[in-house]
Amino acid sequence: MDSKEFRNKIRRIYAALFAFFGLLLLVSGVLVYAVLNPSFLKFENTDYVETEAINNGIENGIHTETGFIYDEGMQTVITSCTSCHSAKLVTQNRATKEGWIGIIRWMQDTQNLWDLGENEAVIVNYLAKNYAPEARGRRDNLEAVEWYDLVE
């Protein structure tokens, strides 16, 4: 084998090694990104709405399965929120628009909630409209209560 043939073989080996390590670097980069951003691997279409199924589960303006108030954005809230916790955890809370944004940021910072993207505005608007703080005063007076004396 002459030196020219030998050099060509070495060049092909270097080219193959370069391609192998380049591919290895690319795959490891994708894996690191997937670990840091798990929603990257979700291929669900969150905009898909099963309108018939939603409408069949509505009684008196309440979605019977979750207890959410039926309104624009409800399906996005169901899809985004109930994948991690129950709907009751949402419906028992009340907050302003800023309050709901604060709750979402807290969940993103401490509970690994993914970036909601365009859905965040839909979710916040729905929650602020339907689960805003209620202006309530003192509880109602107790009526028709039979009081008795404590005996020592």
N, C-alpha and C. Protein backbone atom coordinates (compact mmCIF):
# COMPACT_ATOMS: atom_id res chain seq x y z
N MET A 1 0.86 -1.16 0.00
CA MET A 1 0.00 0.00 0.00
C MET A 1 0.91 1.23 0.00
N ASP A 2 0.62 2.13 -0.92
CA ASP A 2 1.46 3.32 -0.98
C ASP A 2 0.89 4.39 -0.04
N SER A 3 1.64 5.47 0.12
CA SER A 3 1.28 6.51 1.08
C SER A 3 0.00 7.24 0.69
N LYS A 4 -0.29 7.35 -0.60
CA LYS A 4 -1.50 8.04 -1.05
C LYS A 4 -2.75 7.24 -0.64
N GLU A 5 -2.71 5.93 -0.83
CA GLU A 5 -3.82 5.07 -0.43
C GLU A 5 -4.01 5.11 1.08
N PHE A 6 -2.91 5.07 1.79
CA PHE A 6 -2.95 5.12 3.26
C PHE A 6 -3.59 6.42 3.74
N ARG A 7 -3.22 7.54 3.14
CA ARG A 7 -3.80 8.83 3.52
C ARG A 7 -5.31 8.87 3.23
N ASN A 8 -5.73 8.32 2.14
CA ASN A 8 -7.17 8.29 1.81
C ASN A 8 -7.95 7.47 2.82
N LYS A 9 -7.40 6.33 3.25
CA LYS A 9 -8.06 5.51 4.27
C LYS A 9 -8.15 6.27 5.59
N ILE A 10 -7.09 6.94 5.97
CA ILE A 10 -7.08 7.72 7.21
C ILE A 10 -8.12 8.84 7.13
N ARG A 11 -8.21 9.50 5.99
CA ARG A 11 -9.20 10.57 5.81
C ARG A 11 -10.63 10.03 5.94
N ARG A 12 -10.89 8.87 5.38
CA ARG A 12 -12.22 8.27 5.51
C ARG A 12 -12.52 7.89 6.96
N ILE A 13 -11.52 7.39 7.64
CA ILE A 13 -11.71 7.05 9.06
C ILE A 13 -12.00 8.33 9.85
N TYR A 14 -11.23 9.40 9.60
CA TYR A 14 -11.48 10.68 10.29
C TYR A 14 -12.87 11.22 9.96
N ALA A 15 -13.29 11.11 8.72
CA ALA A 15 -14.61 11.60 8.33
C ALA A 15 -15.71 10.80 9.03
N ALA A 16 -15.53 9.49 9.12
CA ALA A 16 -16.52 8.65 9.81
C ALA A 16 -16.55 8.98 11.30
N LEU A 17 -15.37 9.14 11.92
CA LEU A 17 -15.32 9.51 13.34
C LEU A 17 -15.95 10.89 13.58
N PHE A 18 -15.68 11.83 12.69
CA PHE A 18 -16.24 13.17 12.81
C PHE A 18 -17.77 13.11 12.73
N ALA A 19 -18.31 12.35 11.78
CA ALA A 19 -19.76 12.21 11.64
C ALA A 19 -20.35 11.53 12.87
N PHE A 20 -19.70 10.48 13.37
CA PHE A 20 -20.19 9.76 14.55
C PHE A 20 -20.25 10.67 15.76
N PHE A 21 -19.17 11.39 16.05
CA PHE A 21 -19.15 12.27 17.22
C PHE A 21 -20.09 13.47 17.05
N GLY A 22 -20.24 13.94 15.83
CA GLY A 22 -21.21 15.02 15.58
C GLY A 22 -22.63 14.56 15.87
N LEU A 23 -22.96 13.36 15.42
CA LEU A 23 -24.28 12.79 15.70
C LEU A 23 -24.46 12.55 17.20
N LEU A 24 -23.43 12.04 17.85
CA LEU A 24 -23.47 11.82 19.29
C LEU A 24 -23.69 13.13 20.04
N LEU A 25 -23.03 14.19 19.63
CA LEU A 25 -23.20 15.51 20.25
C LEU A 25 -24.62 16.02 20.04
N LEU A 26 -25.16 15.85 18.86
CA LEU A 26 -26.51 16.29 18.56
C LEU A 26 -27.54 15.54 19.41
N VAL A 27 -27.42 14.22 19.50
CA VAL A 27 -28.35 13.42 20.30
C VAL A 27 -28.26 13.79 21.77
N SER A 28 -27.05 13.96 22.29
CA SER A 28 -26.91 14.33 23.70
C SER A 28 -27.48 15.71 23.96
N GLY A 29 -27.35 16.64 23.03
CA GLY A 29 -27.94 17.97 23.18
C GLY A 29 -29.45 17.90 23.24
N VAL A 30 -30.07 17.08 22.40
CA VAL A 30 -31.52 16.91 22.42
C VAL A 30 -31.96 16.28 23.73
N LEU A 31 -31.24 15.31 24.23
CA LEU A 31 -31.58 14.67 25.50
C LEU A 31 -31.48 15.65 26.66
N VAL A 32 -30.45 16.47 26.70
CA VAL A 32 -30.31 17.46 27.76
C VAL A 32 -31.46 18.46 27.68
N TYR A 33 -31.81 18.90 26.49
CA TYR A 33 -32.92 19.84 26.32
C TYR A 33 -34.24 19.20 26.78
N ALA A 34 -34.43 17.92 26.46
CA ALA A 34 -35.65 17.23 26.86
C ALA A 34 -35.75 17.09 28.37
N VAL A 35 -34.63 16.90 29.04
CA VAL A 35 -34.64 16.80 30.50
C VAL A 35 -34.96 18.16 31.12
N LEU A 36 -34.42 19.23 30.56
CA LEU A 36 -34.65 20.56 31.10
C LEU A 36 -36.02 21.13 30.73
N ASN A 37 -36.62 20.66 29.65
CA ASN A 37 -37.90 21.16 29.19
C ASN A 37 -38.78 19.98 28.80
N PRO A 38 -39.43 19.32 29.80
CA PRO A 38 -40.19 18.10 29.51
C PRO A 38 -41.36 18.31 28.55
N SER A 39 -41.92 19.49 28.49
CA SER A 39 -43.05 19.72 27.59
C SER A 39 -42.62 19.65 26.13
N PHE A 40 -41.33 19.67 25.88
CA PHE A 40 -40.78 19.55 24.53
C PHE A 40 -41.24 18.25 23.87
N LEU A 41 -41.41 17.20 24.67
CA LEU A 41 -41.76 15.90 24.13
C LEU A 41 -43.27 15.66 24.07
N LYS A 42 -44.08 16.63 24.51
CA LYS A 42 -45.53 16.46 24.45
C LYS A 42 -46.00 16.80 23.04
N PHE A 43 -46.71 15.88 22.46
CA PHE A 43 -47.20 16.09 21.11
C PHE A 43 -48.72 16.24 21.09
N GLU A 44 -49.29 16.57 22.27
CA GLU A 44 -50.73 16.74 22.36
C GLU A 44 -51.13 18.09 21.77
N ASN A 45 -52.27 18.12 21.18
CA ASN A 45 -52.82 19.38 20.71
C ASN A 45 -53.81 19.86 21.75
N THR A 46 -53.40 20.83 22.57
CA THR A 46 -54.25 21.31 23.65
C THR A 46 -55.38 22.19 23.14
N ASP A 47 -55.34 22.57 21.88
CA ASP A 47 -56.41 23.39 21.32
C ASP A 47 -57.60 22.54 20.89
N TYR A 48 -57.43 21.23 20.84
CA TYR A 48 -58.50 20.33 20.41
C TYR A 48 -59.59 20.32 21.47
N VAL A 49 -60.81 20.54 21.06
CA VAL A 49 -61.93 20.58 22.00
C VAL A 49 -62.99 19.58 21.55
N GLU A 50 -63.38 18.73 22.46
CA GLU A 50 -64.46 17.80 22.19
C GLU A 50 -65.76 18.48 22.61
N THR A 51 -66.31 19.31 21.75
CA THR A 51 -67.45 20.14 22.08
C THR A 51 -68.65 19.32 22.51
N GLU A 52 -68.94 18.24 21.82
CA GLU A 52 -70.12 17.45 22.16
C GLU A 52 -69.99 16.85 23.55
N ALA A 53 -68.81 16.32 23.87
CA ALA A 53 -68.59 15.72 25.19
C ALA A 53 -68.71 16.77 26.28
N ILE A 54 -68.22 17.97 26.03
CA ILE A 54 -68.31 19.04 27.02
C ILE A 54 -69.76 19.45 27.23
N ASN A 55 -70.48 19.67 26.14
CA ASN A 55 -71.87 20.12 26.24
C ASN A 55 -72.77 19.08 26.89
N ASN A 56 -72.47 17.81 26.72
CA ASN A 56 -73.28 16.76 27.35
C ASN A 56 -73.06 16.71 28.85
N GLY A 57 -71.94 17.20 29.33
CA GLY A 57 -71.64 17.14 30.76
C GLY A 57 -71.93 18.43 31.49
N ILE A 58 -72.80 19.29 30.95
CA ILE A 58 -73.11 20.58 31.56
C ILE A 58 -74.51 20.53 32.16
N GLU A 59 -74.61 20.87 33.44
CA GLU A 59 -75.90 20.99 34.09
C GLU A 59 -75.92 22.28 34.88
N ASN A 60 -76.90 23.12 34.59
CA ASN A 60 -77.05 24.42 35.27
C ASN A 60 -75.79 25.27 35.18
N GLY A 61 -75.11 25.20 34.04
CA GLY A 61 -73.93 26.01 33.82
C GLY A 61 -72.66 25.50 34.49
N ILE A 62 -72.70 24.28 35.01
CA ILE A 62 -71.55 23.67 35.69
C ILE A 62 -71.17 22.39 34.97
N HIS A 63 -69.90 22.23 34.71
CA HIS A 63 -69.39 20.99 34.11
C HIS A 63 -69.43 19.93 35.20
N THR A 64 -70.27 18.91 35.01
CA THR A 64 -70.54 17.95 36.07
C THR A 64 -69.33 17.13 36.48
N GLU A 65 -68.45 16.83 35.58
CA GLU A 65 -67.30 15.99 35.90
C GLU A 65 -66.27 16.72 36.76
N THR A 66 -66.08 18.03 36.50
CA THR A 66 -65.04 18.77 37.22
C THR A 66 -65.57 19.78 38.22
N GLY A 67 -66.78 20.27 38.00
CA GLY A 67 -67.31 21.33 38.86
C GLY A 67 -66.96 22.72 38.37
N PHE A 68 -66.28 22.82 37.23
CA PHE A 68 -65.93 24.13 36.68
C PHE A 68 -67.17 24.81 36.10
N ILE A 69 -67.19 26.12 36.19
CA ILE A 69 -68.25 26.91 35.57
C ILE A 69 -68.05 26.84 34.06
N TYR A 70 -69.14 26.58 33.34
CA TYR A 70 -69.06 26.47 31.89
C TYR A 70 -68.92 27.87 31.30
N ASP A 71 -67.79 28.12 30.67
CA ASP A 71 -67.51 29.41 30.07
C ASP A 71 -66.35 29.24 29.09
N GLU A 72 -66.09 30.26 28.30
CA GLU A 72 -64.99 30.23 27.34
C GLU A 72 -63.67 30.01 28.08
N GLY A 73 -62.90 29.04 27.62
CA GLY A 73 -61.62 28.73 28.23
C GLY A 73 -61.67 27.57 29.20
N MET A 74 -62.87 27.06 29.49
CA MET A 74 -62.99 25.97 30.47
C MET A 74 -62.20 24.74 30.04
N GLN A 75 -62.29 24.36 28.76
CA GLN A 75 -61.59 23.15 28.31
C GLN A 75 -60.07 23.31 28.44
N THR A 76 -59.56 24.50 28.17
CA THR A 76 -58.12 24.73 28.33
C THR A 76 -57.72 24.60 29.79
N VAL A 77 -58.55 25.10 30.69
CA VAL A 77 -58.28 24.97 32.13
C VAL A 77 -58.32 23.51 32.54
N ILE A 78 -59.31 22.78 32.06
CA ILE A 78 -59.40 21.35 32.39
C ILE A 78 -58.15 20.62 31.90
N THR A 79 -57.77 20.87 30.67
CA THR A 79 -56.61 20.19 30.08
C THR A 79 -55.32 20.53 30.82
N SER A 80 -55.14 21.80 31.15
CA SER A 80 -53.88 22.25 31.74
C SER A 80 -53.81 22.00 33.24
N CYS A 81 -54.90 22.20 33.95
CA CYS A 81 -54.85 22.17 35.41
C CYS A 81 -55.10 20.79 36.01
N THR A 82 -56.07 20.07 35.45
CA THR A 82 -56.42 18.80 36.07
C THR A 82 -55.48 17.66 35.70
N SER A 83 -54.49 17.93 34.88
CA SER A 83 -53.49 16.89 34.61
C SER A 83 -52.57 16.71 35.81
N CYS A 84 -52.51 17.72 36.71
CA CYS A 84 -51.64 17.63 37.89
C CYS A 84 -52.41 17.53 39.20
N HIS A 85 -53.56 18.17 39.28
CA HIS A 85 -54.32 18.14 40.53
C HIS A 85 -55.81 18.17 40.23
N SER A 86 -56.59 17.99 41.28
CA SER A 86 -58.04 17.92 41.09
C SER A 86 -58.61 19.30 40.77
N ALA A 87 -59.76 19.29 40.15
CA ALA A 87 -60.46 20.54 39.84
C ALA A 87 -60.88 21.24 41.12
N LYS A 88 -61.13 20.49 42.17
CA LYS A 88 -61.57 21.07 43.45
C LYS A 88 -60.50 22.02 43.99
N LEU A 89 -59.24 21.71 43.77
CA LEU A 89 -58.17 22.60 44.23
C LEU A 89 -58.25 23.95 43.54
N VAL A 90 -58.70 23.96 42.30
CA VAL A 90 -58.86 25.22 41.57
C VAL A 90 -60.12 25.94 42.03
N THR A 91 -61.24 25.21 42.09
CA THR A 91 -62.52 25.86 42.36
C THR A 91 -62.64 26.37 43.78
N GLN A 92 -61.86 25.87 44.71
CA GLN A 92 -61.94 26.35 46.08
C GLN A 92 -61.15 27.64 46.29
N ASN A 93 -60.36 28.04 45.31
CA ASN A 93 -59.56 29.25 45.42
C ASN A 93 -60.23 30.42 44.70
N ARG A 94 -59.92 31.60 45.14
CA ARG A 94 -60.42 32.82 44.53
C ARG A 94 -59.24 33.78 44.43
N ALA A 95 -59.10 34.43 43.28
CA ALA A 95 -58.01 35.40 43.11
C ALA A 95 -58.34 36.35 41.97
N THR A 96 -57.66 37.47 41.98
CA THR A 96 -57.75 38.42 40.87
C THR A 96 -56.88 37.90 39.73
N LYS A 97 -56.87 38.62 38.63
CA LYS A 97 -56.03 38.24 37.49
C LYS A 97 -54.56 38.17 37.93
N GLU A 98 -54.12 39.18 38.66
CA GLU A 98 -52.73 39.20 39.15
C GLU A 98 -52.48 38.06 40.13
N GLY A 99 -53.49 37.76 40.94
CA GLY A 99 -53.36 36.66 41.90
C GLY A 99 -53.21 35.32 41.21
N TRP A 100 -54.01 35.09 40.16
CA TRP A 100 -53.90 33.82 39.42
C TRP A 100 -52.56 33.73 38.72
N ILE A 101 -52.08 34.83 38.18
CA ILE A 101 -50.75 34.82 37.55
C ILE A 101 -49.69 34.48 38.60
N GLY A 102 -49.82 35.05 39.79
CA GLY A 102 -48.89 34.73 40.89
C GLY A 102 -48.93 33.26 41.26
N ILE A 103 -50.13 32.68 41.30
CA ILE A 103 -50.26 31.26 41.61
C ILE A 103 -49.59 30.41 40.53
N ILE A 104 -49.80 30.79 39.27
CA ILE A 104 -49.17 30.06 38.16
C ILE A 104 -47.65 30.17 38.26
N ARG A 105 -47.12 31.37 38.53
CA ARG A 105 -45.66 31.54 38.67
C ARG A 105 -45.12 30.70 39.81
N TRP A 106 -45.86 30.65 40.93
CA TRP A 106 -45.43 29.84 42.07
C TRP A 106 -45.36 28.37 41.66
N MET A 107 -46.38 27.89 40.93
CA MET A 107 -46.36 26.49 40.49
C MET A 107 -45.22 26.24 39.51
N GLN A 108 -44.91 27.21 38.65
CA GLN A 108 -43.80 27.05 37.72
C GLN A 108 -42.47 27.03 38.47
N ASP A 109 -42.34 27.87 39.50
CA ASP A 109 -41.08 27.95 40.25
C ASP A 109 -40.87 26.77 41.19
N THR A 110 -41.94 26.26 41.78
CA THR A 110 -41.78 25.25 42.83
C THR A 110 -42.36 23.88 42.51
N GLN A 111 -43.29 23.81 41.57
CA GLN A 111 -43.99 22.56 41.32
C GLN A 111 -43.74 21.99 39.92
N ASN A 112 -42.79 22.56 39.20
CA ASN A 112 -42.42 22.09 37.85
C ASN A 112 -43.56 22.23 36.83
N LEU A 113 -44.39 23.25 36.99
CA LEU A 113 -45.41 23.52 35.97
C LEU A 113 -44.69 24.02 34.73
N TRP A 114 -45.07 23.49 33.59
CA TRP A 114 -44.46 23.87 32.32
C TRP A 114 -44.91 25.26 31.90
N ASP A 115 -44.23 25.81 30.91
CA ASP A 115 -44.62 27.10 30.34
C ASP A 115 -45.94 26.90 29.61
N LEU A 116 -46.95 27.67 29.97
CA LEU A 116 -48.28 27.51 29.39
C LEU A 116 -48.43 28.19 28.03
N GLY A 117 -47.47 29.02 27.67
CA GLY A 117 -47.49 29.68 26.36
C GLY A 117 -48.73 30.53 26.17
N GLU A 118 -49.35 30.41 25.00
CA GLU A 118 -50.54 31.19 24.68
C GLU A 118 -51.74 30.81 25.55
N ASN A 119 -51.72 29.59 26.08
CA ASN A 119 -52.83 29.14 26.92
C ASN A 119 -52.90 29.87 28.25
N GLU A 120 -51.79 30.48 28.68
CA GLU A 120 -51.79 31.16 29.97
C GLU A 120 -52.82 32.28 30.01
N ALA A 121 -52.91 33.07 28.97
CA ALA A 121 -53.88 34.17 28.94
C ALA A 121 -55.31 33.63 29.00
N VAL A 122 -55.58 32.55 28.28
CA VAL A 122 -56.92 31.94 28.28
C VAL A 122 -57.26 31.44 29.69
N ILE A 123 -56.30 30.77 30.32
CA ILE A 123 -56.51 30.22 31.66
C ILE A 123 -56.73 31.33 32.68
N VAL A 124 -55.86 32.33 32.67
CA VAL A 124 -55.97 33.43 33.63
C VAL A 124 -57.28 34.19 33.44
N ASN A 125 -57.67 34.45 32.20
CA ASN A 125 -58.93 35.16 31.96
C ASN A 125 -60.13 34.36 32.47
N TYR A 126 -60.13 33.06 32.22
CA TYR A 126 -61.22 32.20 32.69
C TYR A 126 -61.28 32.22 34.22
N LEU A 127 -60.14 32.00 34.86
CA LEU A 127 -60.13 31.92 36.32
C LEU A 127 -60.47 33.25 36.97
N ALA A 128 -59.94 34.34 36.42
CA ALA A 128 -60.21 35.67 37.00
C ALA A 128 -61.68 36.03 36.84
N LYS A 129 -62.30 35.59 35.78
CA LYS A 129 -63.71 35.90 35.56
C LYS A 129 -64.61 35.04 36.44
N ASN A 130 -64.33 33.75 36.50
CA ASN A 130 -65.23 32.81 37.17
C ASN A 130 -64.85 32.48 38.60
N TYR A 131 -63.63 32.74 38.99
CA TYR A 131 -63.18 32.43 40.35
C TYR A 131 -62.45 33.64 40.95
N ALA A 132 -63.10 34.80 40.81
CA ALA A 132 -62.58 36.04 41.38
C ALA A 132 -62.96 36.10 42.85
N PRO A 133 -62.27 36.94 43.62
CA PRO A 133 -62.64 37.09 45.03
C PRO A 133 -64.09 37.56 45.16
N GLU A 134 -64.76 37.03 46.14
CA GLU A 134 -66.14 37.43 46.37
C GLU A 134 -66.19 38.48 47.47
N ALA A 135 -66.98 39.51 47.23
CA ALA A 135 -67.15 40.54 48.25
C ALA A 135 -68.22 40.05 49.22
N ARG A 136 -67.78 39.43 50.30
CA ARG A 136 -68.70 38.91 51.29
C ARG A 136 -68.37 39.52 52.63
N GLY A 137 -69.36 39.86 53.31
CA GLY A 137 -69.18 40.40 54.65
C GLY A 137 -69.24 39.29 55.67
N ARG A 138 -69.69 39.65 56.80
CA ARG A 138 -69.84 38.71 57.89
C ARG A 138 -70.84 37.63 57.53
N ARG A 139 -70.72 36.48 58.12
CA ARG A 139 -71.67 35.41 57.85
C ARG A 139 -73.06 35.83 58.29
N ASP A 140 -74.07 35.15 57.77
CA ASP A 140 -75.45 35.44 58.16
C ASP A 140 -75.66 35.11 59.64
N ASN A 141 -76.57 35.84 60.24
CA ASN A 141 -76.92 35.56 61.64
C ASN A 141 -77.54 34.18 61.75
N LEU A 142 -77.29 33.54 62.88
CA LEU A 142 -77.90 32.24 63.12
C LEU A 142 -79.37 32.46 63.43
N GLU A 143 -80.22 31.72 62.79
CA GLU A 143 -81.66 31.84 62.96
C GLU A 143 -82.21 30.52 63.50
N ALA A 144 -83.26 30.62 64.27
CA ALA A 144 -84.00 29.46 64.78
C ALA A 144 -83.09 28.43 65.44
N VAL A 145 -82.23 28.91 66.33
CA VAL A 145 -81.34 28.04 67.06
C VAL A 145 -81.89 27.90 68.48
N GLU A 146 -81.99 26.70 68.95
CA GLU A 146 -82.45 26.49 70.31
C GLU A 146 -81.23 26.53 71.23
N TRP A 147 -81.13 27.59 72.01
CA TRP A 147 -80.02 27.76 72.92
C TRP A 147 -80.38 27.07 74.24
N TYR A 148 -79.38 26.62 74.94
CA TYR A 148 -79.60 25.97 76.22
C TYR A 148 -78.52 26.43 77.18
N ASP A 149 -78.79 26.34 78.44
CA ASP A 149 -77.83 26.72 79.46
C ASP A 149 -76.90 25.55 79.74
N LEU A 150 -75.64 25.86 79.89
CA LEU A 150 -74.66 24.82 80.25
C LEU A 150 -74.79 24.55 81.74
N VAL A 151 -74.82 23.33 82.13
CA VAL A 151 -74.92 22.94 83.52
C VAL A 151 -73.55 22.44 83.95
N GLU A 152 -73.13 22.99 85.09
CA GLU A 152 -71.81 22.56 85.59
C GLU A 152 -71.87 21.33 86.41
